[in-house]
PDB file of N, CA and C in Angstrom:
ATOM      1  N   UNK A   1       0.841  -1.184   0.000  1.00  0.00           N
ATOM      2  CA  UNK A   1       0.000   0.000   0.000  1.00  0.00           C
ATOM      3  C   UNK A   1       0.887   1.248   0.000  1.00  0.00           C
ATOM      4  N   UNK A   2       0.610   2.143  -0.935  1.00  0.00           N
ATOM      5  CA  UNK A   2       1.408   3.367  -1.031  1.00  0.00           C
ATOM      6  C   UNK A   2       1.069   4.309   0.117  1.00  0.00           C
ATOM      7  N   UNK A   3       2.080   4.898   0.677  1.00  0.00           N
ATOM      8  CA  UNK A   3       1.914   5.836   1.791  1.00  0.00           C
ATOM      9  C   UNK A   3       1.943   7.259   1.237  1.00  0.00           C
ATOM     10  N   UNK A   4       0.833   7.971   1.367  1.00  0.00           N
ATOM     11  CA  UNK A   4       0.737   9.347   0.895  1.00  0.00           C
ATOM     12  C   UNK A   4       1.128  10.299   2.024  1.00  0.00           C
ATOM     13  N   UNK A   5       1.626  11.486   1.631  1.00  0.00           N
ATOM     14  CA  UNK A   5       2.013  12.471   2.642  1.00  0.00           C
ATOM     15  C   UNK A   5       1.347  13.813   2.353  1.00  0.00           C
ATOM     16  N   UNK A   6       1.178  14.596   3.421  1.00  0.00           N
ATOM     17  CA  UNK A   6       0.625  15.936   3.286  1.00  0.00           C
ATOM     18  C   UNK A   6       1.560  16.793   2.429  1.00  0.00           C
ATOM     19  N   UNK A   7       2.851  16.581   2.558  1.00  0.00           N
ATOM     20  CA  UNK A   7       3.819  17.335   1.756  1.00  0.00           C
ATOM     21  C   UNK A   7       3.595  17.089   0.268  1.00  0.00           C
ATOM     22  N   UNK A   8       3.400  15.837  -0.082  1.00  0.00           N
ATOM     23  CA  UNK A   8       3.152  15.494  -1.485  1.00  0.00           C
ATOM     24  C   UNK A   8       1.889  16.185  -1.982  1.00  0.00           C
ATOM     25  N   UNK A   9       0.826  16.127  -1.202  1.00  0.00           N
ATOM     26  CA  UNK A   9      -0.424  16.769  -1.584  1.00  0.00           C
ATOM     27  C   UNK A   9      -0.252  18.281  -1.694  1.00  0.00           C
ATOM     28  N   UNK A  10       0.509  18.861  -0.785  1.00  0.00           N
ATOM     29  CA  UNK A  10       0.755  20.310  -0.803  1.00  0.00           C
ATOM     30  C   UNK A  10       1.489  20.734  -2.060  1.00  0.00           C
ATOM     31  N   UNK A  11       2.409  19.908  -2.514  1.00  0.00           N
ATOM     32  CA  UNK A  11       3.156  20.205  -3.738  1.00  0.00           C
ATOM     33  C   UNK A  11       2.202  20.207  -4.935  1.00  0.00           C
ATOM     34  N   UNK A  12       1.342  19.200  -5.009  1.00  0.00           N
ATOM     35  CA  UNK A  12       0.354  19.168  -6.089  1.00  0.00           C
ATOM     36  C   UNK A  12      -0.533  20.407  -6.033  1.00  0.00           C
ATOM     37  N   UNK A  13      -0.978  20.752  -4.839  1.00  0.00           N
ATOM     38  CA  UNK A  13      -1.849  21.908  -4.670  1.00  0.00           C
ATOM     39  C   UNK A  13      -1.137  23.190  -5.104  1.00  0.00           C
ATOM     40  N   UNK A  14       0.111  23.351  -4.726  1.00  0.00           N
ATOM     41  CA  UNK A  14       0.880  24.548  -5.083  1.00  0.00           C
ATOM     42  C   UNK A  14       1.081  24.653  -6.593  1.00  0.00           C
ATOM     43  N   UNK A  15       1.109  23.522  -7.258  1.00  0.00           N
ATOM     44  CA  UNK A  15       1.280  23.505  -8.712  1.00  0.00           C
ATOM     45  C   UNK A  15      -0.047  23.705  -9.444  1.00  0.00           C
ATOM     46  N   UNK A  16      -1.130  23.878  -8.671  1.00  0.00           N
ATOM     47  CA  UNK A  16      -2.437  24.091  -9.283  1.00  0.00           C
ATOM     48  C   UNK A  16      -3.176  22.814  -9.611  1.00  0.00           C
ATOM     49  N   UNK A  17      -2.650  21.690  -9.188  1.00  0.00           N
ATOM     50  CA  UNK A  17      -3.282  20.387  -9.457  1.00  0.00           C
ATOM     51  C   UNK A  17      -4.215  20.042  -8.290  1.00  0.00           C
ATOM     52  N   UNK A  18      -5.287  20.816  -8.188  1.00  0.00           N
ATOM     53  CA  UNK A  18      -6.186  20.731  -7.031  1.00  0.00           C
ATOM     54  C   UNK A  18      -6.876  19.372  -6.924  1.00  0.00           C
ATOM     55  N   UNK A  19      -7.346  18.834  -8.043  1.00  0.00           N
ATOM     56  CA  UNK A  19      -8.037  17.539  -8.001  1.00  0.00           C
ATOM     57  C   UNK A  19      -7.112  16.422  -7.539  1.00  0.00           C
ATOM     58  N   UNK A  20      -5.875  16.439  -8.036  1.00  0.00           N
ATOM     59  CA  UNK A  20      -4.909  15.423  -7.630  1.00  0.00           C
ATOM     60  C   UNK A  20      -4.575  15.559  -6.150  1.00  0.00           C
ATOM     61  N   UNK A  21      -4.410  16.809  -5.700  1.00  0.00           N
ATOM     62  CA  UNK A  21      -4.125  17.049  -4.278  1.00  0.00           C
ATOM     63  C   UNK A  21      -5.281  16.552  -3.418  1.00  0.00           C
ATOM     64  N   UNK A  22      -6.493  16.819  -3.845  1.00  0.00           N
ATOM     65  CA  UNK A  22      -7.668  16.385  -3.091  1.00  0.00           C
ATOM     66  C   UNK A  22      -7.702  14.868  -2.954  1.00  0.00           C
ATOM     67  N   UNK A  23      -7.383  14.160  -4.019  1.00  0.00           N
ATOM     68  CA  UNK A  23      -7.360  12.697  -3.965  1.00  0.00           C
ATOM     69  C   UNK A  23      -6.305  12.192  -2.987  1.00  0.00           C
ATOM     70  N   UNK A  24      -5.148  12.837  -2.982  1.00  0.00           N
ATOM     71  CA  UNK A  24      -4.094  12.436  -2.049  1.00  0.00           C
ATOM     72  C   UNK A  24      -4.543  12.678  -0.612  1.00  0.00           C
ATOM     73  N   UNK A  25      -5.134  13.852  -0.350  1.00  0.00           N
ATOM     74  CA  UNK A  25      -5.622  14.134   0.999  1.00  0.00           C
ATOM     75  C   UNK A  25      -6.667  13.100   1.434  1.00  0.00           C
ATOM     76  N   UNK A  26      -7.535  12.692   0.516  1.00  0.00           N
ATOM     77  CA  UNK A  26      -8.543  11.668   0.843  1.00  0.00           C
ATOM     78  C   UNK A  26      -7.865  10.341   1.179  1.00  0.00           C
ATOM     79  N   UNK A  27      -6.816   9.997   0.442  1.00  0.00           N
ATOM     80  CA  UNK A  27      -6.076   8.765   0.736  1.00  0.00           C
ATOM     81  C   UNK A  27      -5.371   8.852   2.086  1.00  0.00           C
ATOM     82  N   UNK A  28      -4.876  10.045   2.423  1.00  0.00           N
ATOM     83  CA  UNK A  28      -4.249  10.236   3.731  1.00  0.00           C
ATOM     84  C   UNK A  28      -5.269   9.966   4.832  1.00  0.00           C
ATOM     85  N   UNK A  29      -6.502  10.444   4.635  1.00  0.00           N
ATOM     86  CA  UNK A  29      -7.546  10.215   5.646  1.00  0.00           C
ATOM     87  C   UNK A  29      -7.895   8.736   5.775  1.00  0.00           C
ATOM     88  N   UNK A  30      -7.799   7.994   4.686  1.00  0.00           N
ATOM     89  CA  UNK A  30      -8.030   6.553   4.777  1.00  0.00           C
ATOM     90  C   UNK A  30      -6.964   5.904   5.659  1.00  0.00           C
ATOM     91  N   UNK A  31      -5.739   6.410   5.567  1.00  0.00           N
ATOM     92  CA  UNK A  31      -4.636   5.873   6.357  1.00  0.00           C
ATOM     93  C   UNK A  31      -4.685   6.382   7.796  1.00  0.00           C
ATOM     94  N   UNK A  32      -5.121   7.636   7.956  1.00  0.00           N
ATOM     95  CA  UNK A  32      -5.113   8.288   9.267  1.00  0.00           C
ATOM     96  C   UNK A  32      -6.344   9.190   9.374  1.00  0.00           C
ATOM     97  N   UNK A  33      -7.489   8.631   9.799  1.00  0.00           N
ATOM     98  CA  UNK A  33      -8.751   9.380   9.839  1.00  0.00           C
ATOM     99  C   UNK A  33      -8.741  10.620  10.741  1.00  0.00           C
ATOM    100  N   UNK A  34      -7.759  10.768  11.588  1.00  0.00           N
ATOM    101  CA  UNK A  34      -7.693  11.923  12.492  1.00  0.00           C
ATOM    102  C   UNK A  34      -6.727  13.007  12.004  1.00  0.00           C
ATOM    103  N   UNK A  35      -6.188  12.863  10.815  1.00  0.00           N
ATOM    104  CA  UNK A  35      -5.186  13.803  10.315  1.00  0.00           C
ATOM    105  C   UNK A  35      -5.826  15.167  10.050  1.00  0.00           C
ATOM    106  N   UNK A  36      -5.567  16.107  10.962  1.00  0.00           N
ATOM    107  CA  UNK A  36      -6.192  17.428  10.894  1.00  0.00           C
ATOM    108  C   UNK A  36      -5.776  18.194   9.645  1.00  0.00           C
ATOM    109  N   UNK A  37      -4.533  18.071   9.237  1.00  0.00           N
ATOM    110  CA  UNK A  37      -4.084  18.764   8.022  1.00  0.00           C
ATOM    111  C   UNK A  37      -4.859  18.303   6.794  1.00  0.00           C
ATOM    112  N   UNK A  38      -5.068  17.008   6.695  1.00  0.00           N
ATOM    113  CA  UNK A  38      -5.816  16.470   5.555  1.00  0.00           C
ATOM    114  C   UNK A  38      -7.283  16.885   5.623  1.00  0.00           C
ATOM    115  N   UNK A  39      -7.862  16.854   6.807  1.00  0.00           N
ATOM    116  CA  UNK A  39      -9.262  17.270   6.980  1.00  0.00           C
ATOM    117  C   UNK A  39      -9.434  18.726   6.559  1.00  0.00           C
ATOM    118  N   UNK A  40      -8.554  19.598   7.044  1.00  0.00           N
ATOM    119  CA  UNK A  40      -8.628  21.022   6.699  1.00  0.00           C
ATOM    120  C   UNK A  40      -8.435  21.253   5.205  1.00  0.00           C
ATOM    121  N   UNK A  41      -7.498  20.541   4.613  1.00  0.00           N
ATOM    122  CA  UNK A  41      -7.229  20.703   3.180  1.00  0.00           C
ATOM    123  C   UNK A  41      -8.419  20.239   2.346  1.00  0.00           C
ATOM    124  N   UNK A  42      -9.043  19.136   2.727  1.00  0.00           N
ATOM    125  CA  UNK A  42     -10.212  18.646   1.998  1.00  0.00           C
ATOM    126  C   UNK A  42     -11.337  19.665   2.074  1.00  0.00           C
ATOM    127  N   UNK A  43     -11.554  20.221   3.233  1.00  0.00           N
ATOM    128  CA  UNK A  43     -12.594  21.257   3.376  1.00  0.00           C
ATOM    129  C   UNK A  43     -12.274  22.455   2.494  1.00  0.00           C
ATOM    130  N   UNK A  44     -11.026  22.894   2.519  1.00  0.00           N
ATOM    131  CA  UNK A  44     -10.614  24.059   1.738  1.00  0.00           C
ATOM    132  C   UNK A  44     -10.764  23.790   0.241  1.00  0.00           C
ATOM    133  N   UNK A  45     -10.248  22.661  -0.228  1.00  0.00           N
ATOM    134  CA  UNK A  45     -10.294  22.357  -1.655  1.00  0.00           C
ATOM    135  C   UNK A  45     -11.709  22.053  -2.128  1.00  0.00           C
ATOM    136  N   UNK A  46     -12.503  21.438  -1.304  1.00  0.00           N
ATOM    137  CA  UNK A  46     -13.893  21.172  -1.675  1.00  0.00           C
ATOM    138  C   UNK A  46     -14.654  22.482  -1.801  1.00  0.00           C
ATOM    139  N   UNK A  47     -14.346  23.434  -0.944  1.00  0.00           N
ATOM    140  CA  UNK A  47     -14.977  24.741  -1.015  1.00  0.00           C
ATOM    141  C   UNK A  47     -14.586  25.490  -2.266  1.00  0.00           C
ATOM    142  N   UNK A  48     -13.345  25.329  -2.703  1.00  0.00           N
ATOM    143  CA  UNK A  48     -12.891  25.991  -3.920  1.00  0.00           C
ATOM    144  C   UNK A  48     -13.667  25.513  -5.130  1.00  0.00           C
ATOM    145  N   UNK A  49     -13.982  24.255  -5.162  1.00  0.00           N
ATOM    146  CA  UNK A  49     -14.703  23.703  -6.300  1.00  0.00           C
ATOM    147  C   UNK A  49     -16.083  24.319  -6.433  1.00  0.00           C
ATOM    148  N   UNK A  50     -16.789  24.453  -5.326  1.00  0.00           N
ATOM    149  CA  UNK A  50     -18.165  24.924  -5.399  1.00  0.00           C
ATOM    150  C   UNK A  50     -18.272  26.434  -5.549  1.00  0.00           C
ATOM    151  N   UNK A  51     -17.203  27.163  -5.298  1.00  0.00           N
ATOM    152  CA  UNK A  51     -17.255  28.619  -5.388  1.00  0.00           C
ATOM    153  C   UNK A  51     -17.177  29.142  -6.811  1.00  0.00           C
ATOM    154  N   UNK A  52     -16.999  28.300  -7.794  1.00  0.00           N
ATOM    155  CA  UNK A  52     -16.842  28.759  -9.165  1.00  0.00           C
ATOM    156  C   UNK A  52     -18.153  28.809  -9.933  1.00  0.00           C
ATOM    157  N   UNK A  53     -19.265  28.503  -9.284  1.00  0.00           N
ATOM    158  CA  UNK A  53     -20.546  28.481  -9.974  1.00  0.00           C
ATOM    159  C   UNK A  53     -20.925  29.853 -10.507  1.00  0.00           C
ATOM    160  N   UNK A  54     -20.599  30.910  -9.782  1.00  0.00           N
ATOM    161  CA  UNK A  54     -20.995  32.251 -10.199  1.00  0.00           C
ATOM    162  C   UNK A  54     -19.860  33.008 -10.882  1.00  0.00           C
ATOM    163  N   UNK A  55     -18.870  32.302 -11.360  1.00  0.00           N
ATOM    164  CA  UNK A  55     -17.732  32.922 -12.022  1.00  0.00           C
ATOM    165  C   UNK A  55     -18.176  33.611 -13.308  1.00  0.00           C
ATOM    166  N   UNK A  56     -17.726  34.817 -13.506  1.00  0.00           N
ATOM    167  CA  UNK A  56     -18.043  35.571 -14.709  1.00  0.00           C
ATOM    168  C   UNK A  56     -17.015  35.193 -15.778  1.00  0.00           C
ATOM    169  N   UNK A  57     -17.366  34.235 -16.610  1.00  0.00           N
ATOM    170  CA  UNK A  57     -16.423  33.723 -17.601  1.00  0.00           C
ATOM    171  C   UNK A  57     -16.103  34.758 -18.678  1.00  0.00           C
ATOM    172  N   UNK A  58     -17.042  35.655 -18.964  1.00  0.00           N
ATOM    173  CA  UNK A  58     -16.756  36.707 -19.940  1.00  0.00           C
ATOM    174  C   UNK A  58     -15.631  37.611 -19.445  1.00  0.00           C
ATOM    175  N   UNK A  59     -15.702  37.999 -18.164  1.00  0.00           N
ATOM    176  CA  UNK A  59     -14.656  38.859 -17.619  1.00  0.00           C
ATOM    177  C   UNK A  59     -13.351  38.089 -17.432  1.00  0.00           C
ATOM    178  N   UNK A  60     -13.441  36.810 -17.145  1.00  0.00           N
ATOM    179  CA  UNK A  60     -12.231  35.996 -17.041  1.00  0.00           C
ATOM    180  C   UNK A  60     -11.506  35.986 -18.387  1.00  0.00           C
ATOM    181  N   UNK A  61     -12.248  35.751 -19.458  1.00  0.00           N
ATOM    182  CA  UNK A  61     -11.644  35.763 -20.797  1.00  0.00           C
ATOM    183  C   UNK A  61     -11.085  37.137 -21.131  1.00  0.00           C
ATOM    184  N   UNK A  62     -11.845  38.173 -20.782  1.00  0.00           N
ATOM    185  CA  UNK A  62     -11.385  39.540 -21.025  1.00  0.00           C
ATOM    186  C   UNK A  62     -10.073  39.794 -20.301  1.00  0.00           C
ATOM    187  N   UNK A  63     -10.001  39.367 -19.025  1.00  0.00           N
ATOM    188  CA  UNK A  63      -8.789  39.548 -18.223  1.00  0.00           C
ATOM    189  C   UNK A  63      -7.601  38.826 -18.847  1.00  0.00           C
ATOM    190  N   UNK A  64      -7.813  37.607 -19.256  1.00  0.00           N
ATOM    191  CA  UNK A  64      -6.727  36.803 -19.836  1.00  0.00           C
ATOM    192  C   UNK A  64      -6.218  37.420 -21.143  1.00  0.00           C
ATOM    193  N   UNK A  65      -7.131  38.016 -21.919  1.00  0.00           N
ATOM    194  CA  UNK A  65      -6.763  38.540 -23.237  1.00  0.00           C
ATOM    195  C   UNK A  65      -6.427  40.029 -23.261  1.00  0.00           C
ATOM    196  N   UNK A  66      -6.423  40.712 -22.110  1.00  0.00           N
ATOM    197  CA  UNK A  66      -6.154  42.159 -22.085  1.00  0.00           C
ATOM    198  C   UNK A  66      -4.794  42.468 -22.701  1.00  0.00           C
ATOM    199  N   UNK A  67      -4.789  43.514 -23.519  1.00  0.00           N
ATOM    200  CA  UNK A  67      -3.528  43.896 -24.155  1.00  0.00           C
ATOM    201  C   UNK A  67      -3.238  45.384 -24.022  1.00  0.00           C
ATOM    202  N   UNK A  68      -4.266  46.193 -23.947  1.00  0.00           N
ATOM    203  CA  UNK A  68      -4.034  47.638 -23.928  1.00  0.00           C
ATOM    204  C   UNK A  68      -4.276  48.221 -22.538  1.00  0.00           C
ATOM    205  N   UNK A  69      -3.756  49.406 -22.347  1.00  0.00           N
ATOM    206  CA  UNK A  69      -3.958  50.129 -21.092  1.00  0.00           C
ATOM    207  C   UNK A  69      -5.436  50.439 -20.905  1.00  0.00           C
ATOM    208  N   UNK A  70      -6.121  50.711 -21.987  1.00  0.00           N
ATOM    209  CA  UNK A  70      -7.559  50.986 -21.928  1.00  0.00           C
ATOM    210  C   UNK A  70      -8.326  49.760 -21.396  1.00  0.00           C
ATOM    211  N   UNK A  71      -7.948  48.596 -21.860  1.00  0.00           N
ATOM    212  CA  UNK A  71      -8.598  47.372 -21.374  1.00  0.00           C
ATOM    213  C   UNK A  71      -8.297  47.133 -19.902  1.00  0.00           C
ATOM    214  N   UNK A  72      -7.082  47.412 -19.482  1.00  0.00           N
ATOM    215  CA  UNK A  72      -6.718  47.272 -18.072  1.00  0.00           C
ATOM    216  C   UNK A  72      -7.571  48.213 -17.229  1.00  0.00           C
ATOM    217  N   UNK A  73      -7.738  49.451 -17.687  1.00  0.00           N
ATOM    218  CA  UNK A  73      -8.559  50.409 -16.950  1.00  0.00           C
ATOM    219  C   UNK A  73     -10.016  49.978 -16.896  1.00  0.00           C
ATOM    220  N   UNK A  74     -10.520  49.433 -17.986  1.00  0.00           N
ATOM    221  CA  UNK A  74     -11.892  48.926 -18.000  1.00  0.00           C
ATOM    222  C   UNK A  74     -12.062  47.795 -16.987  1.00  0.00           C
ATOM    223  N   UNK A  75     -11.077  46.921 -16.928  1.00  0.00           N
ATOM    224  CA  UNK A  75     -11.134  45.818 -15.971  1.00  0.00           C
ATOM    225  C   UNK A  75     -11.082  46.342 -14.539  1.00  0.00           C
ATOM    226  N   UNK A  76     -10.245  47.333 -14.288  1.00  0.00           N
ATOM    227  CA  UNK A  76     -10.174  47.935 -12.945  1.00  0.00           C
ATOM    228  C   UNK A  76     -11.522  48.535 -12.544  1.00  0.00           C
ATOM    229  N   UNK A  77     -12.172  49.216 -13.494  1.00  0.00           N
ATOM    230  CA  UNK A  77     -13.492  49.798 -13.196  1.00  0.00           C
ATOM    231  C   UNK A  77     -14.492  48.694 -12.839  1.00  0.00           C
ATOM    232  N   UNK A  78     -14.424  47.592 -13.556  1.00  0.00           N
ATOM    233  CA  UNK A  78     -15.313  46.471 -13.275  1.00  0.00           C
ATOM    234  C   UNK A  78     -15.040  45.903 -11.873  1.00  0.00           C
ATOM    235  N   UNK A  79     -13.770  45.783 -11.511  1.00  0.00           N
ATOM    236  CA  UNK A  79     -13.412  45.277 -10.185  1.00  0.00           C
ATOM    237  C   UNK A  79     -13.926  46.192  -9.080  1.00  0.00           C
ATOM    238  N   UNK A  80     -13.834  47.491  -9.290  1.00  0.00           N
ATOM    239  CA  UNK A  80     -14.301  48.447  -8.281  1.00  0.00           C
ATOM    240  C   UNK A  80     -15.795  48.285  -8.035  1.00  0.00           C
ATOM    241  N   UNK A  81     -16.545  47.948  -9.076  1.00  0.00           N
ATOM    242  CA  UNK A  81     -17.999  47.775  -8.941  1.00  0.00           C
ATOM    243  C   UNK A  81     -18.367  46.545  -8.115  1.00  0.00           C
ATOM    244  N   UNK A  82     -17.449  45.601  -8.003  1.00  0.00           N
ATOM    245  CA  UNK A  82     -17.742  44.385  -7.234  1.00  0.00           C
ATOM    246  C   UNK A  82     -17.910  44.774  -5.820  1.00  0.00           C
TER     247      UNK A  82
END
């Protein structure tokens, strides 16, 4: 049986591999059901998944594709309205 570590999961998480990190944390809990670090990480990562339902994909695309100072200013104005 492979032994997973919180460090390994943290590395995946830091690299943006949230789903892989979540799976490792779940495996850690199977090995050690009282592991507070894994419990906290699962709660945090599970919350991240559900928070994207109201994401404004149009503004996300706009942000990613911004090229001019005018577009940057438009994005700043949009952020201020939030």
